[in-house]
Amino acid sequence: METEIIHEKKYQQFTAVLGDEEAELAYALPAAGVLDFTHTYVPESARGKGIATKLIEAGLHYARQNGYKVQASCPVVKKYLQAHPEQQ
């Protein structure tokens, strides 16, 4: 089953609706041209299914498409970027 990721600019987050629950990747815009991923949350029932990876990839795609430099305050995003240097 494909997980749809929704970008909610108003709330500065990427969201995946998982039945009655939601997973999210939150971000801040601390400076012009900078997008800082601050927090990742996946409900316990959905962990280990690649949801965080899909959220992070959607966030990075958005950053690339819009010319943002990326910061990773969130340890999950930081770990992802270390494991995938081609995404930096």
N, C-alpha and C. Protein backbone atom coordinates (compact mmCIF):
# COMPACT_ATOMS: atom_id res chain seq x y z
N MET A 1 0.84 -1.19 0.00
CA MET A 1 0.00 0.00 0.00
C MET A 1 0.88 1.25 0.00
N GLU A 2 0.60 2.15 -0.91
CA GLU A 2 1.38 3.38 -1.04
C GLU A 2 0.94 4.39 0.02
N THR A 3 1.90 4.99 0.68
CA THR A 3 1.62 6.00 1.70
C THR A 3 1.68 7.38 1.04
N GLU A 4 0.60 8.12 1.16
CA GLU A 4 0.56 9.47 0.60
C GLU A 4 1.12 10.45 1.61
N ILE A 5 2.05 11.29 1.15
CA ILE A 5 2.64 12.33 1.99
C ILE A 5 2.03 13.66 1.58
N ILE A 6 1.52 14.39 2.54
CA ILE A 6 0.89 15.68 2.30
C ILE A 6 1.77 16.77 2.91
N HIS A 7 2.06 17.81 2.12
CA HIS A 7 2.82 18.94 2.65
C HIS A 7 1.82 19.97 3.18
N GLU A 8 1.87 20.21 4.47
CA GLU A 8 1.00 21.18 5.09
C GLU A 8 1.82 22.42 5.44
N LYS A 9 1.93 23.33 4.47
CA LYS A 9 2.75 24.53 4.66
C LYS A 9 2.31 25.35 5.87
N LYS A 10 1.01 25.43 6.07
CA LYS A 10 0.46 26.21 7.19
C LYS A 10 1.04 25.74 8.52
N TYR A 11 1.25 24.43 8.65
CA TYR A 11 1.77 23.86 9.90
C TYR A 11 3.26 23.53 9.82
N GLN A 12 3.87 23.84 8.69
CA GLN A 12 5.29 23.56 8.44
C GLN A 12 5.61 22.10 8.74
N GLN A 13 4.89 21.21 8.05
CA GLN A 13 5.16 19.79 8.23
C GLN A 13 4.71 18.99 7.02
N PHE A 14 5.30 17.82 6.91
CA PHE A 14 4.89 16.81 5.95
C PHE A 14 4.18 15.74 6.78
N THR A 15 3.02 15.31 6.30
CA THR A 15 2.18 14.39 7.08
C THR A 15 1.81 13.17 6.25
N ALA A 16 1.81 12.02 6.91
CA ALA A 16 1.30 10.78 6.33
C ALA A 16 0.13 10.33 7.19
N VAL A 17 -1.05 10.21 6.59
CA VAL A 17 -2.23 9.75 7.32
C VAL A 17 -2.21 8.23 7.30
N LEU A 18 -2.24 7.65 8.49
CA LEU A 18 -2.14 6.20 8.65
C LEU A 18 -3.39 5.71 9.39
N GLY A 19 -4.49 5.66 8.69
CA GLY A 19 -5.75 5.28 9.34
C GLY A 19 -6.17 6.37 10.30
N ASP A 20 -6.27 6.01 11.58
CA ASP A 20 -6.68 6.97 12.60
C ASP A 20 -5.51 7.79 13.15
N GLU A 21 -4.29 7.48 12.71
CA GLU A 21 -3.10 8.15 13.23
C GLU A 21 -2.38 8.89 12.11
N GLU A 22 -1.44 9.73 12.51
CA GLU A 22 -0.62 10.47 11.56
C GLU A 22 0.84 10.38 11.94
N ALA A 23 1.68 10.37 10.92
CA ALA A 23 3.12 10.50 11.10
C ALA A 23 3.48 11.87 10.55
N GLU A 24 4.55 12.46 11.07
CA GLU A 24 4.89 13.81 10.60
C GLU A 24 6.39 14.07 10.61
N LEU A 25 6.77 14.96 9.72
CA LEU A 25 8.11 15.53 9.68
C LEU A 25 7.92 17.03 9.75
N ALA A 26 8.31 17.63 10.86
CA ALA A 26 8.14 19.06 11.07
C ALA A 26 9.40 19.81 10.66
N TYR A 27 9.22 21.05 10.24
CA TYR A 27 10.37 21.88 9.87
C TYR A 27 10.16 23.32 10.30
N ALA A 28 11.26 24.05 10.31
CA ALA A 28 11.25 25.49 10.58
C ALA A 28 12.00 26.18 9.46
N LEU A 29 11.78 27.45 9.33
CA LEU A 29 12.49 28.28 8.35
C LEU A 29 13.26 29.33 9.12
N PRO A 30 14.44 28.95 9.68
CA PRO A 30 15.17 29.85 10.57
C PRO A 30 15.81 31.06 9.90
N ALA A 31 16.03 30.97 8.60
CA ALA A 31 16.65 32.06 7.85
C ALA A 31 16.21 31.95 6.40
N ALA A 32 16.40 33.02 5.66
CA ALA A 32 16.04 33.00 4.25
C ALA A 32 16.81 31.89 3.53
N GLY A 33 16.09 31.06 2.80
CA GLY A 33 16.73 30.01 2.02
C GLY A 33 17.17 28.80 2.82
N VAL A 34 16.76 28.71 4.10
CA VAL A 34 17.17 27.59 4.96
C VAL A 34 15.93 26.87 5.49
N LEU A 35 15.93 25.56 5.34
CA LEU A 35 14.86 24.72 5.87
C LEU A 35 15.48 23.76 6.88
N ASP A 36 15.01 23.82 8.12
CA ASP A 36 15.55 23.00 9.20
C ASP A 36 14.52 21.95 9.59
N PHE A 37 14.84 20.68 9.37
CA PHE A 37 13.97 19.59 9.81
C PHE A 37 14.17 19.43 11.31
N THR A 38 13.10 19.65 12.07
CA THR A 38 13.21 19.74 13.52
C THR A 38 12.71 18.52 14.28
N HIS A 39 11.79 17.76 13.68
CA HIS A 39 11.15 16.69 14.44
C HIS A 39 10.51 15.67 13.50
N THR A 40 10.69 14.41 13.80
CA THR A 40 10.02 13.33 13.08
C THR A 40 9.24 12.50 14.09
N TYR A 41 8.01 12.18 13.75
CA TYR A 41 7.20 11.33 14.62
C TYR A 41 6.46 10.30 13.78
N VAL A 42 6.58 9.04 14.16
CA VAL A 42 5.82 7.96 13.56
C VAL A 42 5.17 7.18 14.72
N PRO A 43 3.86 6.97 14.65
CA PRO A 43 3.20 6.23 15.72
C PRO A 43 3.84 4.84 15.89
N GLU A 44 3.85 4.37 17.10
CA GLU A 44 4.50 3.09 17.40
C GLU A 44 3.97 1.96 16.52
N SER A 45 2.68 1.98 16.24
CA SER A 45 2.07 0.91 15.43
C SER A 45 2.56 0.90 13.98
N ALA A 46 3.17 2.00 13.52
CA ALA A 46 3.62 2.10 12.13
C ALA A 46 5.14 2.11 12.00
N ARG A 47 5.85 1.96 13.08
CA ARG A 47 7.32 2.00 13.03
C ARG A 47 7.88 0.77 12.34
N GLY A 48 9.03 0.95 11.70
CA GLY A 48 9.69 -0.15 11.02
C GLY A 48 9.13 -0.44 9.64
N LYS A 49 8.31 0.46 9.13
CA LYS A 49 7.67 0.25 7.82
C LYS A 49 8.13 1.27 6.78
N GLY A 50 9.16 2.05 7.11
CA GLY A 50 9.71 3.00 6.15
C GLY A 50 8.95 4.32 6.05
N ILE A 51 8.06 4.58 6.98
CA ILE A 51 7.27 5.82 6.93
C ILE A 51 8.15 7.04 7.14
N ALA A 52 9.06 6.99 8.11
CA ALA A 52 9.95 8.12 8.36
C ALA A 52 10.80 8.41 7.13
N THR A 53 11.28 7.36 6.48
CA THR A 53 12.09 7.54 5.26
C THR A 53 11.28 8.25 4.18
N LYS A 54 10.03 7.86 4.00
CA LYS A 54 9.18 8.50 2.99
C LYS A 54 8.95 9.97 3.32
N LEU A 55 8.74 10.27 4.59
CA LEU A 55 8.55 11.66 5.00
C LEU A 55 9.82 12.47 4.73
N ILE A 56 10.96 11.92 5.11
CA ILE A 56 12.24 12.62 4.92
C ILE A 56 12.51 12.84 3.43
N GLU A 57 12.28 11.83 2.62
CA GLU A 57 12.51 11.97 1.18
C GLU A 57 11.58 13.02 0.57
N ALA A 58 10.34 13.08 1.03
CA ALA A 58 9.42 14.11 0.54
C ALA A 58 9.91 15.50 0.94
N GLY A 59 10.39 15.62 2.18
CA GLY A 59 10.91 16.90 2.65
C GLY A 59 12.15 17.34 1.88
N LEU A 60 13.04 16.40 1.63
CA LEU A 60 14.26 16.73 0.87
C LEU A 60 13.93 17.09 -0.57
N HIS A 61 12.97 16.40 -1.15
CA HIS A 61 12.54 16.72 -2.52
C HIS A 61 11.99 18.16 -2.57
N TYR A 62 11.17 18.51 -1.60
CA TYR A 62 10.63 19.86 -1.53
C TYR A 62 11.75 20.89 -1.40
N ALA A 63 12.71 20.61 -0.53
CA ALA A 63 13.84 21.53 -0.33
C ALA A 63 14.62 21.73 -1.62
N ARG A 64 14.91 20.63 -2.32
CA ARG A 64 15.64 20.72 -3.60
C ARG A 64 14.86 21.51 -4.63
N GLN A 65 13.57 21.21 -4.76
CA GLN A 65 12.73 21.87 -5.77
C GLN A 65 12.61 23.37 -5.53
N ASN A 66 12.78 23.78 -4.27
CA ASN A 66 12.59 25.19 -3.91
C ASN A 66 13.88 25.91 -3.54
N GLY A 67 15.01 25.25 -3.76
CA GLY A 67 16.31 25.89 -3.56
C GLY A 67 16.71 26.14 -2.12
N TYR A 68 16.17 25.37 -1.18
CA TYR A 68 16.53 25.54 0.23
C TYR A 68 17.82 24.80 0.56
N LYS A 69 18.61 25.37 1.44
CA LYS A 69 19.69 24.65 2.09
C LYS A 69 19.05 23.92 3.26
N VAL A 70 19.51 22.71 3.53
CA VAL A 70 18.88 21.88 4.56
C VAL A 70 19.73 21.82 5.81
N GLN A 71 19.06 21.97 6.95
CA GLN A 71 19.65 21.70 8.27
C GLN A 71 18.87 20.54 8.85
N ALA A 72 19.53 19.77 9.70
CA ALA A 72 18.85 18.63 10.32
C ALA A 72 19.02 18.69 11.84
N SER A 73 18.14 19.42 12.51
CA SER A 73 18.14 19.42 13.97
C SER A 73 17.60 18.10 14.50
N CYS A 74 16.74 17.47 13.73
CA CYS A 74 16.15 16.18 14.11
C CYS A 74 17.18 15.07 13.96
N PRO A 75 17.41 14.28 15.00
CA PRO A 75 18.40 13.20 14.92
C PRO A 75 18.06 12.13 13.88
N VAL A 76 16.78 11.91 13.62
CA VAL A 76 16.38 10.91 12.62
C VAL A 76 16.78 11.39 11.22
N VAL A 77 16.55 12.65 10.94
CA VAL A 77 16.93 13.21 9.63
C VAL A 77 18.45 13.25 9.51
N LYS A 78 19.12 13.62 10.57
CA LYS A 78 20.58 13.67 10.57
C LYS A 78 21.15 12.28 10.25
N LYS A 79 20.61 11.26 10.89
CA LYS A 79 21.06 9.87 10.65
C LYS A 79 20.78 9.46 9.20
N TYR A 80 19.62 9.83 8.67
CA TYR A 80 19.28 9.52 7.28
C TYR A 80 20.30 10.16 6.33
N LEU A 81 20.62 11.43 6.56
CA LEU A 81 21.57 12.12 5.68
C LEU A 81 22.97 11.53 5.77
N GLN A 82 23.36 11.06 6.94
CA GLN A 82 24.67 10.40 7.07
C GLN A 82 24.69 9.09 6.30
N ALA A 83 23.57 8.37 6.30
CA ALA A 83 23.50 7.09 5.59
C ALA A 83 23.31 7.27 4.08
N HIS A 84 22.85 8.45 3.67
CA HIS A 84 22.58 8.73 2.25
C HIS A 84 23.26 10.03 1.83
N PRO A 85 24.60 10.04 1.76
CA PRO A 85 25.31 11.28 1.45
C PRO A 85 24.93 11.85 0.07
N GLU A 86 24.42 11.01 -0.81
CA GLU A 86 24.00 11.51 -2.13
C GLU A 86 22.82 12.47 -2.03
N GLN A 87 22.13 12.47 -0.91
CA GLN A 87 20.98 13.37 -0.71
C GLN A 87 21.40 14.76 -0.24
N GLN A 88 22.65 14.92 0.13
CA GLN A 88 23.08 16.21 0.66
C GLN A 88 23.43 17.19 -0.41
